[in-house]
Amino acid sequence: MEKSFNSQVFRGNQVKLLEDWRELTPQKQQKVLEFVEVLKSESETTPPESDFVPQIPLAKKLWSIRQRAIAAGLQLLNEDEIGLELAARRGGFRES
């Protein structure tokens, strides 16, 4: 029952989206397509904005670099990806 309800809601959203889409000008349709591309490119692993406030100068500098990278659309690596990157830089050696 829950799955059927979710399918109906999903289908209803698709119909509404298509109806609204048809009412837009070609320029606005293009903006929607561009926005969808931005959403698709956003990392699922990128953590949401936090209330973290760095306290020491080095942490402030590193945090600033991180925030600029995120704002520029750079995809951050997760822990496993960092391990693979390190292993590649070390000639395939990976710490366990």
N, C-alpha and C. Protein backbone atom coordinates (compact mmCIF):
# COMPACT_ATOMS: atom_id res chain seq x y z
N MET A 1 0.83 -1.19 0.00
CA MET A 1 0.00 0.00 0.00
C MET A 1 0.87 1.25 0.00
N GLU A 2 1.91 1.29 0.85
CA GLU A 2 2.80 2.44 0.95
C GLU A 2 3.51 2.67 -0.38
N LYS A 3 3.97 1.58 -1.02
CA LYS A 3 4.67 1.71 -2.28
C LYS A 3 3.74 2.27 -3.36
N SER A 4 2.51 1.80 -3.39
CA SER A 4 1.54 2.27 -4.36
C SER A 4 1.25 3.75 -4.16
N PHE A 5 1.12 4.17 -2.90
CA PHE A 5 0.87 5.57 -2.59
C PHE A 5 2.03 6.43 -3.05
N ASN A 6 3.26 5.98 -2.75
CA ASN A 6 4.44 6.73 -3.17
C ASN A 6 4.53 6.84 -4.69
N SER A 7 4.16 5.76 -5.40
CA SER A 7 4.17 5.79 -6.86
C SER A 7 3.17 6.80 -7.38
N GLN A 8 2.01 6.87 -6.75
CA GLN A 8 0.99 7.83 -7.17
C GLN A 8 1.45 9.26 -6.93
N VAL A 9 2.08 9.50 -5.79
CA VAL A 9 2.59 10.84 -5.49
C VAL A 9 3.66 11.22 -6.50
N PHE A 10 4.57 10.29 -6.78
CA PHE A 10 5.64 10.53 -7.74
C PHE A 10 5.05 10.85 -9.11
N ARG A 11 4.08 10.06 -9.53
CA ARG A 11 3.44 10.28 -10.84
C ARG A 11 2.74 11.64 -10.86
N GLY A 12 2.08 11.99 -9.77
CA GLY A 12 1.42 13.29 -9.68
C GLY A 12 2.41 14.44 -9.80
N ASN A 13 3.57 14.28 -9.18
CA ASN A 13 4.62 15.31 -9.27
C ASN A 13 5.13 15.44 -10.70
N GLN A 14 5.28 14.32 -11.39
CA GLN A 14 5.73 14.36 -12.77
C GLN A 14 4.73 15.09 -13.66
N VAL A 15 3.45 14.79 -13.47
CA VAL A 15 2.40 15.44 -14.27
C VAL A 15 2.39 16.94 -14.00
N LYS A 16 2.46 17.32 -12.73
CA LYS A 16 2.46 18.74 -12.36
C LYS A 16 3.67 19.45 -12.96
N LEU A 17 4.83 18.83 -12.87
CA LEU A 17 6.05 19.41 -13.42
C LEU A 17 5.92 19.63 -14.92
N LEU A 18 5.41 18.64 -15.62
CA LEU A 18 5.26 18.75 -17.07
C LEU A 18 4.24 19.83 -17.44
N GLU A 19 3.14 19.91 -16.70
CA GLU A 19 2.14 20.94 -16.96
C GLU A 19 2.74 22.33 -16.76
N ASP A 20 3.46 22.51 -15.66
CA ASP A 20 4.09 23.81 -15.39
C ASP A 20 5.15 24.13 -16.45
N TRP A 21 5.90 23.11 -16.85
CA TRP A 21 6.95 23.28 -17.86
C TRP A 21 6.36 23.85 -19.16
N ARG A 22 5.23 23.31 -19.57
CA ARG A 22 4.62 23.73 -20.84
C ARG A 22 4.17 25.19 -20.81
N GLU A 23 3.95 25.74 -19.63
CA GLU A 23 3.51 27.13 -19.51
C GLU A 23 4.68 28.12 -19.53
N LEU A 24 5.90 27.62 -19.43
CA LEU A 24 7.08 28.49 -19.40
C LEU A 24 7.50 28.91 -20.81
N THR A 25 8.15 30.07 -20.87
CA THR A 25 8.74 30.51 -22.13
C THR A 25 9.97 29.64 -22.41
N PRO A 26 10.42 29.59 -23.66
CA PRO A 26 11.63 28.81 -23.97
C PRO A 26 12.84 29.24 -23.14
N GLN A 27 12.96 30.52 -22.85
CA GLN A 27 14.09 31.00 -22.04
C GLN A 27 14.01 30.45 -20.62
N LYS A 28 12.81 30.43 -20.06
CA LYS A 28 12.66 29.90 -18.70
C LYS A 28 12.82 28.39 -18.69
N GLN A 29 12.40 27.72 -19.74
CA GLN A 29 12.63 26.28 -19.83
C GLN A 29 14.13 25.99 -19.83
N GLN A 30 14.89 26.81 -20.52
CA GLN A 30 16.35 26.64 -20.54
C GLN A 30 16.93 26.84 -19.15
N LYS A 31 16.43 27.82 -18.41
CA LYS A 31 16.90 28.04 -17.04
C LYS A 31 16.60 26.83 -16.16
N VAL A 32 15.43 26.23 -16.37
CA VAL A 32 15.08 25.03 -15.60
C VAL A 32 16.06 23.91 -15.91
N LEU A 33 16.36 23.72 -17.19
CA LEU A 33 17.31 22.67 -17.57
C LEU A 33 18.68 22.91 -16.95
N GLU A 34 19.12 24.16 -16.95
CA GLU A 34 20.41 24.48 -16.35
C GLU A 34 20.40 24.22 -14.85
N PHE A 35 19.29 24.55 -14.20
CA PHE A 35 19.17 24.31 -12.76
C PHE A 35 19.19 22.82 -12.45
N VAL A 36 18.52 22.03 -13.28
CA VAL A 36 18.51 20.58 -13.09
C VAL A 36 19.93 20.03 -13.21
N GLU A 37 20.71 20.55 -14.16
CA GLU A 37 22.09 20.11 -14.31
C GLU A 37 22.91 20.43 -13.06
N VAL A 38 22.68 21.60 -12.49
CA VAL A 38 23.38 21.98 -11.25
C VAL A 38 23.01 21.00 -10.14
N LEU A 39 21.73 20.71 -10.01
CA LEU A 39 21.29 19.77 -8.97
C LEU A 39 21.89 18.39 -9.18
N LYS A 40 21.94 17.93 -10.42
CA LYS A 40 22.50 16.62 -10.71
C LYS A 40 23.99 16.56 -10.40
N SER A 41 24.69 17.67 -10.57
CA SER A 41 26.13 17.67 -10.37
C SER A 41 26.54 17.83 -8.91
N GLU A 42 25.59 18.23 -8.06
CA GLU A 42 25.92 18.39 -6.65
C GLU A 42 26.25 17.03 -6.04
N SER A 43 27.26 17.01 -5.24
CA SER A 43 27.71 15.78 -4.60
C SER A 43 26.71 15.33 -3.56
N GLU A 44 26.39 14.06 -3.59
CA GLU A 44 25.51 13.49 -2.56
C GLU A 44 26.27 13.33 -1.24
N THR A 45 27.59 13.30 -1.32
CA THR A 45 28.38 13.09 -0.11
C THR A 45 28.84 14.39 0.53
N THR A 46 28.61 15.50 -0.16
CA THR A 46 29.02 16.77 0.42
C THR A 46 28.13 17.09 1.60
N PRO A 47 28.70 17.25 2.77
CA PRO A 47 27.87 17.51 3.94
C PRO A 47 27.20 18.88 3.84
N PRO A 48 26.04 19.00 4.47
CA PRO A 48 25.38 20.31 4.45
C PRO A 48 26.20 21.34 5.20
N GLU A 49 25.85 22.60 5.00
CA GLU A 49 26.53 23.67 5.72
C GLU A 49 26.48 23.39 7.22
N SER A 50 27.55 23.68 7.90
CA SER A 50 27.58 23.42 9.33
C SER A 50 27.78 24.72 10.09
N ASP A 51 27.65 24.62 11.39
CA ASP A 51 27.86 25.77 12.26
C ASP A 51 29.29 25.81 12.76
N PHE A 52 30.16 25.00 12.15
CA PHE A 52 31.55 24.93 12.58
C PHE A 52 32.22 26.28 12.40
N VAL A 53 32.92 26.72 13.43
CA VAL A 53 33.69 27.97 13.37
C VAL A 53 35.11 27.64 13.80
N PRO A 54 36.07 27.68 12.86
CA PRO A 54 37.45 27.37 13.22
C PRO A 54 38.00 28.40 14.21
N GLN A 55 38.86 27.94 15.09
CA GLN A 55 39.36 28.80 16.16
C GLN A 55 40.80 29.28 15.95
N ILE A 56 41.63 28.44 15.34
CA ILE A 56 43.04 28.82 15.19
C ILE A 56 43.29 29.30 13.75
N PRO A 57 44.32 30.11 13.54
CA PRO A 57 44.56 30.68 12.21
C PRO A 57 44.66 29.64 11.08
N LEU A 58 45.39 28.55 11.31
CA LEU A 58 45.52 27.54 10.27
C LEU A 58 44.16 26.94 9.92
N ALA A 59 43.38 26.62 10.93
CA ALA A 59 42.05 26.05 10.69
C ALA A 59 41.17 27.04 9.93
N LYS A 60 41.28 28.32 10.26
CA LYS A 60 40.50 29.34 9.54
C LYS A 60 40.89 29.38 8.07
N LYS A 61 42.19 29.30 7.80
CA LYS A 61 42.67 29.34 6.42
C LYS A 61 42.20 28.10 5.65
N LEU A 62 42.35 26.93 6.26
CA LEU A 62 41.92 25.69 5.60
C LEU A 62 40.41 25.67 5.37
N TRP A 63 39.65 26.15 6.36
CA TRP A 63 38.19 26.19 6.23
C TRP A 63 37.79 27.13 5.08
N SER A 64 38.48 28.24 4.96
CA SER A 64 38.21 29.20 3.89
C SER A 64 38.48 28.57 2.52
N ILE A 65 39.58 27.86 2.42
CA ILE A 65 39.91 27.18 1.16
C ILE A 65 38.84 26.16 0.82
N ARG A 66 38.42 25.40 1.82
CA ARG A 66 37.37 24.38 1.61
C ARG A 66 36.08 25.02 1.13
N GLN A 67 35.67 26.11 1.77
CA GLN A 67 34.41 26.77 1.41
C GLN A 67 34.48 27.32 -0.01
N ARG A 68 35.63 27.87 -0.40
CA ARG A 68 35.78 28.39 -1.77
C ARG A 68 35.72 27.25 -2.79
N ALA A 69 36.32 26.12 -2.45
CA ALA A 69 36.30 24.97 -3.35
C ALA A 69 34.87 24.47 -3.55
N ILE A 70 34.12 24.39 -2.48
CA ILE A 70 32.72 23.96 -2.57
C ILE A 70 31.92 24.95 -3.41
N ALA A 71 32.11 26.23 -3.16
CA ALA A 71 31.39 27.27 -3.90
C ALA A 71 31.72 27.22 -5.39
N ALA A 72 32.93 26.81 -5.72
CA ALA A 72 33.35 26.72 -7.12
C ALA A 72 32.88 25.43 -7.78
N GLY A 73 32.22 24.56 -7.01
CA GLY A 73 31.68 23.33 -7.57
C GLY A 73 32.62 22.15 -7.52
N LEU A 74 33.73 22.28 -6.81
CA LEU A 74 34.69 21.18 -6.70
C LEU A 74 34.05 20.04 -5.91
N GLN A 75 34.17 18.84 -6.42
CA GLN A 75 33.62 17.67 -5.75
C GLN A 75 34.60 17.21 -4.68
N LEU A 76 34.16 17.18 -3.44
CA LEU A 76 35.01 16.75 -2.34
C LEU A 76 35.10 15.23 -2.32
N LEU A 77 36.23 14.73 -1.89
CA LEU A 77 36.43 13.29 -1.78
C LEU A 77 35.92 12.79 -0.44
N ASN A 78 35.34 11.56 -0.44
CA ASN A 78 34.97 10.95 0.83
C ASN A 78 36.19 10.19 1.36
N GLU A 79 36.05 9.56 2.51
CA GLU A 79 37.19 8.90 3.15
C GLU A 79 37.81 7.81 2.28
N ASP A 80 36.97 7.01 1.62
CA ASP A 80 37.49 5.95 0.75
C ASP A 80 38.23 6.53 -0.45
N GLU A 81 37.67 7.59 -1.03
CA GLU A 81 38.31 8.22 -2.19
C GLU A 81 39.65 8.85 -1.81
N ILE A 82 39.74 9.39 -0.62
CA ILE A 82 41.01 9.95 -0.14
C ILE A 82 42.05 8.83 -0.01
N GLY A 83 41.62 7.69 0.53
CA GLY A 83 42.53 6.55 0.66
C GLY A 83 43.06 6.08 -0.69
N LEU A 84 42.17 6.02 -1.68
CA LEU A 84 42.59 5.62 -3.03
C LEU A 84 43.54 6.64 -3.64
N GLU A 85 43.27 7.90 -3.43
CA GLU A 85 44.14 8.97 -3.94
C GLU A 85 45.53 8.87 -3.31
N LEU A 86 45.57 8.67 -2.01
CA LEU A 86 46.87 8.52 -1.33
C LEU A 86 47.62 7.30 -1.83
N ALA A 87 46.89 6.19 -2.00
CA ALA A 87 47.53 4.98 -2.49
C ALA A 87 48.12 5.19 -3.88
N ALA A 88 47.39 5.87 -4.73
CA ALA A 88 47.88 6.14 -6.09
C ALA A 88 49.14 7.00 -6.05
N ARG A 89 49.16 7.96 -5.16
CA ARG A 89 50.33 8.85 -5.06
C ARG A 89 51.53 8.12 -4.45
N ARG A 90 51.27 7.05 -3.71
CA ARG A 90 52.34 6.29 -3.06
C ARG A 90 52.72 5.06 -3.88
N GLY A 91 52.35 5.04 -5.13
CA GLY A 91 52.70 3.92 -6.00
C GLY A 91 51.89 2.68 -5.72
N GLY A 92 50.69 2.82 -5.26
CA GLY A 92 49.81 1.69 -5.02
C GLY A 92 49.80 1.19 -3.59
N PHE A 93 50.70 1.70 -2.74
CA PHE A 93 50.74 1.28 -1.34
C PHE A 93 49.57 1.90 -0.59
N ARG A 94 48.86 1.05 0.14
CA ARG A 94 47.72 1.55 0.92
C ARG A 94 47.82 1.05 2.34
N GLU A 95 47.73 1.99 3.29
CA GLU A 95 47.76 1.61 4.70
C GLU A 95 46.45 0.92 5.05
N SER A 96 46.53 -0.06 5.98
CA SER A 96 45.29 -0.73 6.39
C SER A 96 44.99 -0.52 7.83
